[in-house]
Structures are given as C-alpha cells and as structure tokens.
PDB file of N, CA and C in Angstrom:
ATOM      1  N   UNK A   1     127.503  81.518  96.366  1.00  0.00           N
ATOM      2  CA  UNK A   1     128.589  82.277  95.819  1.00  0.00           C
ATOM      3  C   UNK A   1     127.624  83.366  95.527  1.00  0.00           C
ATOM      4  N   UNK A   2     128.257  84.704  95.798  1.00  0.00           N
ATOM      5  CA  UNK A   2     127.466  86.019  94.984  1.00  0.00           C
ATOM      6  C   UNK A   2     128.298  86.334  94.140  1.00  0.00           C
ATOM      7  N   UNK A   3     127.612  86.749  92.729  1.00  0.00           N
ATOM      8  CA  UNK A   3     128.379  87.061  91.596  1.00  0.00           C
ATOM      9  C   UNK A   3     129.692  88.419  91.913  1.00  0.00           C
ATOM     10  N   UNK A   4     130.022  88.188  90.594  1.00  0.00           N
ATOM     11  CA  UNK A   4     131.338  89.217  91.035  1.00  0.00           C
ATOM     12  C   UNK A   4     131.118  90.775  91.379  1.00  0.00           C
ATOM     13  N   UNK A   5     131.492  91.608  91.941  1.00  0.00           N
ATOM     14  CA  UNK A   5     130.761  92.879  92.494  1.00  0.00           C
ATOM     15  C   UNK A   5     131.010  93.550  91.370  1.00  0.00           C
ATOM     16  N   UNK A   6     130.943  93.263  89.684  1.00  0.00           N
ATOM     17  CA  UNK A   6     131.045  94.428  88.715  1.00  0.00           C
ATOM     18  C   UNK A   6     129.660  94.186  88.295  1.00  0.00           C
ATOM     19  N   UNK A   7     128.987  92.606  88.275  1.00  0.00           N
ATOM     20  CA  UNK A   7     127.615  92.586  87.992  1.00  0.00           C
ATOM     21  C   UNK A   7     126.883  92.674  88.641  1.00  0.00           C
ATOM     22  N   UNK A   8     127.359  93.267  90.092  1.00  0.00           N
ATOM     23  CA  UNK A   8     125.936  93.488  91.353  1.00  0.00           C
ATOM     24  C   UNK A   8     125.656  94.907  90.847  1.00  0.00           C
ATOM     25  N   UNK A   9     126.925  95.723  90.699  1.00  0.00           N
ATOM     26  CA  UNK A   9     127.037  96.801  90.113  1.00  0.00           C
ATOM     27  C   UNK A   9     125.978  97.608  88.849  1.00  0.00           C
ATOM     28  N   UNK A  10     126.457  96.704  87.941  1.00  0.00           N
ATOM     29  CA  UNK A  10     125.612  96.662  86.787  1.00  0.00           C
ATOM     30  C   UNK A  10     123.983  96.780  86.917  1.00  0.00           C
ATOM     31  N   UNK A  11     123.851  95.917  87.755  1.00  0.00           N
ATOM     32  CA  UNK A  11     122.066  95.507  87.984  1.00  0.00           C
ATOM     33  C   UNK A  11     122.001  96.828  89.025  1.00  0.00           C
ATOM     34  N   UNK A  12     122.579  97.121  89.860  1.00  0.00           N
ATOM     35  CA  UNK A  12     122.208  98.752  90.884  1.00  0.00           C
ATOM     36  C   UNK A  12     122.164  99.718  89.661  1.00  0.00           C
ATOM     37  N   UNK A  13     123.020  99.667  88.870  1.00  0.00           N
ATOM     38  CA  UNK A  13     122.984 100.890  88.084  1.00  0.00           C
ATOM     39  C   UNK A  13     121.757 101.094  87.137  1.00  0.00           C
ATOM     40  N   UNK A  14     121.444 100.134  86.979  1.00  0.00           N
ATOM     41  CA  UNK A  14     120.117  99.997  85.983  1.00  0.00           C
ATOM     42  C   UNK A  14     120.250 100.350  84.697  1.00  0.00           C
ATOM     43  N   UNK A  15     121.068 100.246  84.234  1.00  0.00           N
ATOM     44  CA  UNK A  15     121.501 100.420  82.814  1.00  0.00           C
ATOM     45  C   UNK A  15     120.620  99.615  81.816  1.00  0.00           C
ATOM     46  N   UNK A  16     120.043 100.210  80.922  1.00  0.00           N
ATOM     47  CA  UNK A  16     119.024  99.608  79.891  1.00  0.00           C
ATOM     48  C   UNK A  16     119.517  99.069  79.067  1.00  0.00           C
ATOM     49  N   UNK A  17     120.514  99.454  78.707  1.00  0.00           N
ATOM     50  CA  UNK A  17     121.250  98.834  77.365  1.00  0.00           C
ATOM     51  C   UNK A  17     122.141  97.390  77.808  1.00  0.00           C
ATOM     52  N   UNK A  18     122.224  97.204  79.169  1.00  0.00           N
ATOM     53  CA  UNK A  18     122.852  95.821  79.588  1.00  0.00           C
ATOM     54  C   UNK A  18     122.279  94.962  80.386  1.00  0.00           C
ATOM     55  N   UNK A  19     120.643  95.244  80.500  1.00  0.00           N
ATOM     56  CA  UNK A  19     119.490  94.688  81.234  1.00  0.00           C
ATOM     57  C   UNK A  19     119.592  93.050  81.323  1.00  0.00           C
ATOM     58  N   UNK A  20     119.812  92.714  80.214  1.00  0.00           N
ATOM     59  CA  UNK A  20     120.043  90.864  79.758  1.00  0.00           C
ATOM     60  C   UNK A  20     121.218  90.386  80.379  1.00  0.00           C
ATOM     61  N   UNK A  21     122.212  91.604  80.916  1.00  0.00           N
ATOM     62  CA  UNK A  21     123.445  91.166  81.653  1.00  0.00           C
ATOM     63  C   UNK A  21     123.558  90.837  83.326  1.00  0.00           C
ATOM     64  N   UNK A  22     122.026  91.828  83.995  1.00  0.00           N
ATOM     65  CA  UNK A  22     122.227  91.919  85.427  1.00  0.00           C
ATOM     66  C   UNK A  22     122.286  90.185  85.790  1.00  0.00           C
ATOM     67  N   UNK A  23     122.704  90.461  86.962  1.00  0.00           N
ATOM     68  CA  UNK A  23     122.923  89.093  87.886  1.00  0.00           C
ATOM     69  C   UNK A  23     122.746  89.827  89.345  1.00  0.00           C
ATOM     70  N   UNK A  24     121.760  89.277  89.918  1.00  0.00           N
ATOM     71  CA  UNK A  24     121.397  89.695  91.381  1.00  0.00           C
ATOM     72  C   UNK A  24     121.303  88.449  92.197  1.00  0.00           C
ATOM     73  N   UNK A  25     122.167  88.121  93.292  1.00  0.00           N
ATOM     74  CA  UNK A  25     122.517  87.086  94.039  1.00  0.00           C
ATOM     75  C   UNK A  25     121.311  86.974  94.716  1.00  0.00           C
ATOM     76  N   UNK A  26     120.488  85.913  95.120  1.00  0.00           N
ATOM     77  CA  UNK A  26     119.567  85.757  96.212  1.00  0.00           C
ATOM     78  C   UNK A  26     119.678  84.403  97.011  1.00  0.00           C
ATOM     79  N   UNK A  27     120.879  83.966  96.838  1.00  0.00           N
ATOM     80  CA  UNK A  27     121.031  83.073  97.717  1.00  0.00           C
ATOM     81  C   UNK A  27     120.312  81.786  97.445  1.00  0.00           C
ATOM     82  N   UNK A  28     120.074  80.385  98.303  1.00  0.00           N
ATOM     83  CA  UNK A  28     119.366  78.883  98.267  1.00  0.00           C
ATOM     84  C   UNK A  28     117.801  79.630  97.929  1.00  0.00           C
ATOM     85  N   UNK A  29     117.421  80.399  98.695  1.00  0.00           N
ATOM     86  CA  UNK A  29     115.651  80.529  98.870  1.00  0.00           C
ATOM     87  C   UNK A  29     115.262  80.564  97.845  1.00  0.00           C
ATOM     88  N   UNK A  30     115.601  81.128  96.935  1.00  0.00           N
ATOM     89  CA  UNK A  30     115.314  81.106  95.409  1.00  0.00           C
ATOM     90  C   UNK A  30     115.058  79.811  94.731  1.00  0.00           C
ATOM     91  N   UNK A  31     115.864  78.962  94.859  1.00  0.00           N
ATOM     92  CA  UNK A  31     115.833  77.596  94.386  1.00  0.00           C
ATOM     93  C   UNK A  31     115.132  76.746  95.045  1.00  0.00           C
ATOM     94  N   UNK A  32     114.859  76.958  96.629  1.00  0.00           N
ATOM     95  CA  UNK A  32     113.937  76.314  97.460  1.00  0.00           C
ATOM     96  C   UNK A  32     112.360  76.603  96.792  1.00  0.00           C
ATOM     97  N   UNK A  33     112.364  77.595  96.949  1.00  0.00           N
ATOM     98  CA  UNK A  33     110.676  78.169  96.225  1.00  0.00           C
ATOM     99  C   UNK A  33     110.575  77.592  95.040  1.00  0.00           C
ATOM    100  N   UNK A  34     111.511  77.553  94.030  1.00  0.00           N
ATOM    101  CA  UNK A  34     111.060  77.099  93.078  1.00  0.00           C
ATOM    102  C   UNK A  34     110.807  75.894  92.928  1.00  0.00           C
ATOM    103  N   UNK A  35     111.733  75.074  93.778  1.00  0.00           N
ATOM    104  CA  UNK A  35     111.452  73.379  94.024  1.00  0.00           C
ATOM    105  C   UNK A  35     109.921  73.084  94.268  1.00  0.00           C
ATOM    106  N   UNK A  36     110.073  73.953  95.370  1.00  0.00           N
ATOM    107  CA  UNK A  36     108.480  73.734  96.195  1.00  0.00           C
ATOM    108  C   UNK A  36     107.281  74.384  95.182  1.00  0.00           C
ATOM    109  N   UNK A  37     107.283  75.215  94.137  1.00  0.00           N
ATOM    110  CA  UNK A  37     106.236  75.410  93.285  1.00  0.00           C
ATOM    111  C   UNK A  37     106.641  74.544  91.769  1.00  0.00           C
ATOM    112  N   UNK A  38     107.435  73.772  91.784  1.00  0.00           N
ATOM    113  CA  UNK A  38     107.603  72.812  90.618  1.00  0.00           C
ATOM    114  C   UNK A  38     106.659  72.040  89.768  1.00  0.00           C
ATOM    115  N   UNK A  39     105.914  71.660  90.858  1.00  0.00           N
ATOM    116  CA  UNK A  39     105.006  70.715  90.060  1.00  0.00           C
ATOM    117  C   UNK A  39     103.160  71.744  90.009  1.00  0.00           C
ATOM    118  N   UNK A  40     103.344  72.810  89.960  1.00  0.00           N
ATOM    119  CA  UNK A  40     102.008  73.659  90.166  1.00  0.00           C
ATOM    120  C   UNK A  40     101.907  74.437  89.143  1.00  0.00           C
ATOM    121  N   UNK A  41     100.776  75.002  88.952  1.00  0.00           N
ATOM    122  CA  UNK A  41     100.735  76.032  88.112  1.00  0.00           C
ATOM    123  C   UNK A  41     101.281  77.001  88.306  1.00  0.00           C
ATOM    124  N   UNK A  42     101.888  77.421  89.478  1.00  0.00           N
ATOM    125  CA  UNK A  42     103.207  78.362  89.793  1.00  0.00           C
ATOM    126  C   UNK A  42     104.379  78.222  89.276  1.00  0.00           C
ATOM    127  N   UNK A  43     104.719  77.391  88.690  1.00  0.00           N
ATOM    128  CA  UNK A  43     106.133  77.217  87.959  1.00  0.00           C
ATOM    129  C   UNK A  43     106.483  78.144  87.096  1.00  0.00           C
ATOM    130  N   UNK A  44     105.634  78.555  86.304  1.00  0.00           N
ATOM    131  CA  UNK A  44     106.080  79.503  85.787  1.00  0.00           C
ATOM    132  C   UNK A  44     105.556  81.163  86.237  1.00  0.00           C
ATOM    133  N   UNK A  45     106.847  81.933  86.606  1.00  0.00           N
ATOM    134  CA  UNK A  45     106.862  83.089  87.084  1.00  0.00           C
ATOM    135  C   UNK A  45     105.389  83.925  86.592  1.00  0.00           C
ATOM    136  N   UNK A  46     105.173  83.908  85.599  1.00  0.00           N
ATOM    137  CA  UNK A  46     104.197  84.895  84.907  1.00  0.00           C
ATOM    138  C   UNK A  46     102.649  84.510  85.675  1.00  0.00           C
ATOM    139  N   UNK A  47     102.626  83.390  86.179  1.00  0.00           N
ATOM    140  CA  UNK A  47     101.294  83.074  86.657  1.00  0.00           C
ATOM    141  C   UNK A  47     101.479  82.976  88.465  1.00  0.00           C
ATOM    142  N   UNK A  48     102.383  83.628  88.836  1.00  0.00           N
ATOM    143  CA  UNK A  48     102.223  83.992  90.198  1.00  0.00           C
ATOM    144  C   UNK A  48     101.788  85.436  90.659  1.00  0.00           C
ATOM    145  N   UNK A  49     100.433  85.055  91.532  1.00  0.00           N
ATOM    146  CA  UNK A  49     100.266  86.338  92.568  1.00  0.00           C
ATOM    147  C   UNK A  49     100.349  86.513  93.927  1.00  0.00           C
ATOM    148  N   UNK A  50     100.540  87.397  94.444  1.00  0.00           N
ATOM    149  CA  UNK A  50     100.795  87.522  95.799  1.00  0.00           C
ATOM    150  C   UNK A  50      99.870  86.503  96.675  1.00  0.00           C
ATOM    151  N   UNK A  51      98.371  86.614  96.155  1.00  0.00           N
ATOM    152  CA  UNK A  51      97.425  86.156  96.891  1.00  0.00           C
ATOM    153  C   UNK A  51      97.504  84.642  96.814  1.00  0.00           C
ATOM    154  N   UNK A  52      97.827  84.313  95.568  1.00  0.00           N
ATOM    155  CA  UNK A  52      98.095  82.902  95.676  1.00  0.00           C
ATOM    156  C   UNK A  52      99.226  82.074  96.234  1.00  0.00           C
ATOM    157  N   UNK A  53     100.440  83.041  96.162  1.00  0.00           N
ATOM    158  CA  UNK A  53     101.578  82.411  97.131  1.00  0.00           C
ATOM    159  C   UNK A  53     101.174  82.358  98.620  1.00  0.00           C
ATOM    160  N   UNK A  54     100.215  83.588  99.071  1.00  0.00           N
ATOM    161  CA  UNK A  54     100.065  83.679 100.210  1.00  0.00           C
ATOM    162  C   UNK A  54      99.352  82.435 100.899  1.00  0.00           C
ATOM    163  N   UNK A  55      98.042  82.302  99.790  1.00  0.00           N
ATOM    164  CA  UNK A  55      97.563  80.969 100.296  1.00  0.00           C
ATOM    165  C   UNK A  55      97.860  79.618 100.538  1.00  0.00           C
ATOM    166  N   UNK A  56      98.694  79.529  99.384  1.00  0.00           N
ATOM    167  CA  UNK A  56      99.791  78.062  99.225  1.00  0.00           C
ATOM    168  C   UNK A  56     100.746  77.935 100.588  1.00  0.00           C
ATOM    169  N   UNK A  57     101.342  79.288 101.034  1.00  0.00           N
ATOM    170  CA  UNK A  57     101.975  79.322 102.213  1.00  0.00           C
ATOM    171  C   UNK A  57     101.030  78.791 103.621  1.00  0.00           C
ATOM    172  N   UNK A  58      99.852  79.733 103.542  1.00  0.00           N
ATOM    173  CA  UNK A  58      98.852  79.545 104.673  1.00  0.00           C
ATOM    174  C   UNK A  58      98.580  77.783 104.684  1.00  0.00           C
ATOM    175  N   UNK A  59      97.935  77.374 103.728  1.00  0.00           N
ATOM    176  CA  UNK A  59      97.552  75.898 103.230  1.00  0.00           C
ATOM    177  C   UNK A  59      98.952  75.165 103.850  1.00  0.00           C
ATOM    178  N   UNK A  60     100.035  75.507 103.580  1.00  0.00           N
ATOM    179  CA  UNK A  60     100.887  74.745 104.188  1.00  0.00           C
ATOM    180  C   UNK A  60     101.409  74.804 105.812  1.00  0.00           C
ATOM    181  N   UNK A  61     101.100  75.746 106.140  1.00  0.00           N
ATOM    182  CA  UNK A  61     101.218  76.105 107.823  1.00  0.00           C
ATOM    183  C   UNK A  61     100.092  75.356 108.524  1.00  0.00           C
ATOM    184  N   UNK A  62      98.858  75.610 107.618  1.00  0.00           N
ATOM    185  CA  UNK A  62      97.684  74.548 108.421  1.00  0.00           C
ATOM    186  C   UNK A  62      97.874  73.236 108.280  1.00  0.00           C
ATOM    187  N   UNK A  63      98.963  72.712 107.452  1.00  0.00           N
ATOM    188  CA  UNK A  63      98.682  71.356 107.422  1.00  0.00           C
ATOM    189  C   UNK A  63      99.956  70.597 108.554  1.00  0.00           C
ATOM    190  N   UNK A  64     100.943  71.493 108.301  1.00  0.00           N
ATOM    191  CA  UNK A  64     101.956  71.352 109.507  1.00  0.00           C
ATOM    192  C   UNK A  64     101.453  71.443 111.030  1.00  0.00           C
ATOM    193  N   UNK A  65     100.207  72.614 111.451  1.00  0.00           N
ATOM    194  CA  UNK A  65      99.873  72.756 112.527  1.00  0.00           C
ATOM    195  C   UNK A  65      98.791  71.445 112.817  1.00  0.00           C
ATOM    196  N   UNK A  66      97.705  71.102 111.593  1.00  0.00           N
ATOM    197  CA  UNK A  66      97.098  70.002 111.874  1.00  0.00           C
ATOM    198  C   UNK A  66      97.830  68.375 112.519  1.00  0.00           C
ATOM    199  N   UNK A  67      99.066  68.292 111.671  1.00  0.00           N
ATOM    200  CA  UNK A  67      99.761  67.103 112.128  1.00  0.00           C
ATOM    201  C   UNK A  67     100.042  67.356 113.566  1.00  0.00           C
ATOM    202  N   UNK A  68     100.697  68.536 113.885  1.00  0.00           N
ATOM    203  CA  UNK A  68     101.294  68.811 115.199  1.00  0.00           C
ATOM    204  C   UNK A  68     100.044  68.647 116.249  1.00  0.00           C
ATOM    205  N   UNK A  69      99.109  69.249 116.070  1.00  0.00           N
ATOM    206  CA  UNK A  69      97.750  69.212 116.889  1.00  0.00           C
ATOM    207  C   UNK A  69      97.110  67.695 117.225  1.00  0.00           C
ATOM    208  N   UNK A  70      97.312  66.481 115.642  1.00  0.00           N
ATOM    209  CA  UNK A  70      96.809  65.488 115.750  1.00  0.00           C
ATOM    210  C   UNK A  70      97.744  64.702 116.698  1.00  0.00           C
ATOM    211  N   UNK A  71      98.893  65.006 116.521  1.00  0.00           N
ATOM    212  CA  UNK A  71     100.153  64.338 117.495  1.00  0.00           C
ATOM    213  C   UNK A  71      99.998  64.228 118.835  1.00  0.00           C
ATOM    214  N   UNK A  72      99.736  65.672 119.333  1.00  0.00           N
ATOM    215  CA  UNK A  72      99.564  66.078 120.389  1.00  0.00           C
ATOM    216  C   UNK A  72      98.278  65.414 121.202  1.00  0.00           C
ATOM    217  N   UNK A  73      97.342  65.285 120.714  1.00  0.00           N
ATOM    218  CA  UNK A  73      96.157  64.952 121.087  1.00  0.00           C
ATOM    219  C   UNK A  73      96.083  63.275 121.010  1.00  0.00           C
ATOM    220  N   UNK A  74      96.962  62.456 120.292  1.00  0.00           N
ATOM    221  CA  UNK A  74      97.192  61.447 120.599  1.00  0.00           C
ATOM    222  C   UNK A  74      97.848  60.932 121.809  1.00  0.00           C
ATOM    223  N   UNK A  75      99.135  61.760 121.996  1.00  0.00           N
ATOM    224  CA  UNK A  75     100.052  61.424 123.159  1.00  0.00           C
ATOM    225  C   UNK A  75      99.364  61.758 124.132  1.00  0.00           C
ATOM    226  N   UNK A  76      98.306  62.756 124.238  1.00  0.00           N
ATOM    227  CA  UNK A  76      97.479  63.143 125.763  1.00  0.00           C
ATOM    228  C   UNK A  76      96.369  62.179 125.922  1.00  0.00           C
ATOM    229  N   UNK A  77      96.115  61.201 125.118  1.00  0.00           N
ATOM    230  CA  UNK A  77      94.981  60.382 125.155  1.00  0.00           C
ATOM    231  C   UNK A  77      95.801  59.096 125.441  1.00  0.00           C
ATOM    232  N   UNK A  78      97.249  58.966 125.524  1.00  0.00           N
ATOM    233  CA  UNK A  78      98.011  57.842 125.619  1.00  0.00           C
ATOM    234  C   UNK A  78      98.267  56.854 124.339  1.00  0.00           C
ATOM    235  N   UNK A  79      98.324  57.113 123.597  1.00  0.00           N
ATOM    236  CA  UNK A  79      98.370  56.748 122.189  1.00  0.00           C
ATOM    237  C   UNK A  79      99.426  56.991 121.552  1.00  0.00           C
ATOM    238  N   UNK A  80     100.493  56.374 121.433  1.00  0.00           N
ATOM    239  CA  UNK A  80     101.780  56.121 120.957  1.00  0.00           C
ATOM    240  C   UNK A  80     101.983  56.706 119.476  1.00  0.00           C
ATOM    241  N   UNK A  81     102.635  57.816 119.344  1.00  0.00           N
ATOM    242  CA  UNK A  81     102.555  58.314 118.076  1.00  0.00           C
ATOM    243  C   UNK A  81     102.922  57.203 116.605  1.00  0.00           C
ATOM    244  N   UNK A  82     103.515  55.982 117.031  1.00  0.00           N
ATOM    245  CA  UNK A  82     104.008  54.722 116.230  1.00  0.00           C
ATOM    246  C   UNK A  82     102.828  54.145 115.831  1.00  0.00           C
ATOM    247  N   UNK A  83     102.076  54.006 116.838  1.00  0.00           N
ATOM    248  CA  UNK A  83     100.925  53.274 116.952  1.00  0.00           C
ATOM    249  C   UNK A  83      99.772  53.688 115.992  1.00  0.00           C
ATOM    250  N   UNK A  84      99.637  55.113 116.179  1.00  0.00           N
ATOM    251  CA  UNK A  84      98.690  55.798 115.464  1.00  0.00           C
ATOM    252  C   UNK A  84      99.020  55.831 114.166  1.00  0.00           C
ATOM    253  N   UNK A  85     100.230  55.696 113.816  1.00  0.00           N
ATOM    254  CA  UNK A  85     100.780  55.848 112.373  1.00  0.00           C
ATOM    255  C   UNK A  85     100.566  54.423 111.600  1.00  0.00           C
ATOM    256  N   UNK A  86     100.786  53.275 112.330  1.00  0.00           N
ATOM    257  CA  UNK A  86     100.576  52.329 111.687  1.00  0.00           C
ATOM    258  C   UNK A  86      98.870  52.180 111.588  1.00  0.00           C
TER     259      UNK A  86
END
C-alpha cells in the first residue's frame, strides 16, 4: 500500500529539515531485491555498485540459461528430465 499523499509530497518537495521523514513507496520489488542479496556482501547498501549488481544479475541469467540448455539437450537426446535429475 502506498504511503499517504502527504508523505509522498514531503519527499518530492525535498525539504532538508524533514529529510528523515521522507517515505517513498517502491512496491514489493525492493523487498525481493533485499532478500536476493541477503546473504551476500551486497546486503549493506553501502557495498553496492552498479557493476557488481549487473554481474550478479548476468550470472543468475547465465545459470538459468545453462539449466534450460541442459534440459533441452537431454530432451533432444531422448533422456527424460526425471531420469537425468536422479
């Protein structure tokens, strides 16, 4: 649920005296991201750099694709995916 409009206006106004009261709604994506980096050095936001995040995303995408290609290869060779997992 988004924050009350008054808190959104406060953040948008950029009031330096009320900076600690800013509240910006970001939805569930930020929570999912924080869960994703929970057990990594990227847990602390001060350790995050764009290049590190991009590398982590690309590594994850590569792992997904490797799994997909392995399953596709097994299917083409007539090996059932259940047999290949065992």
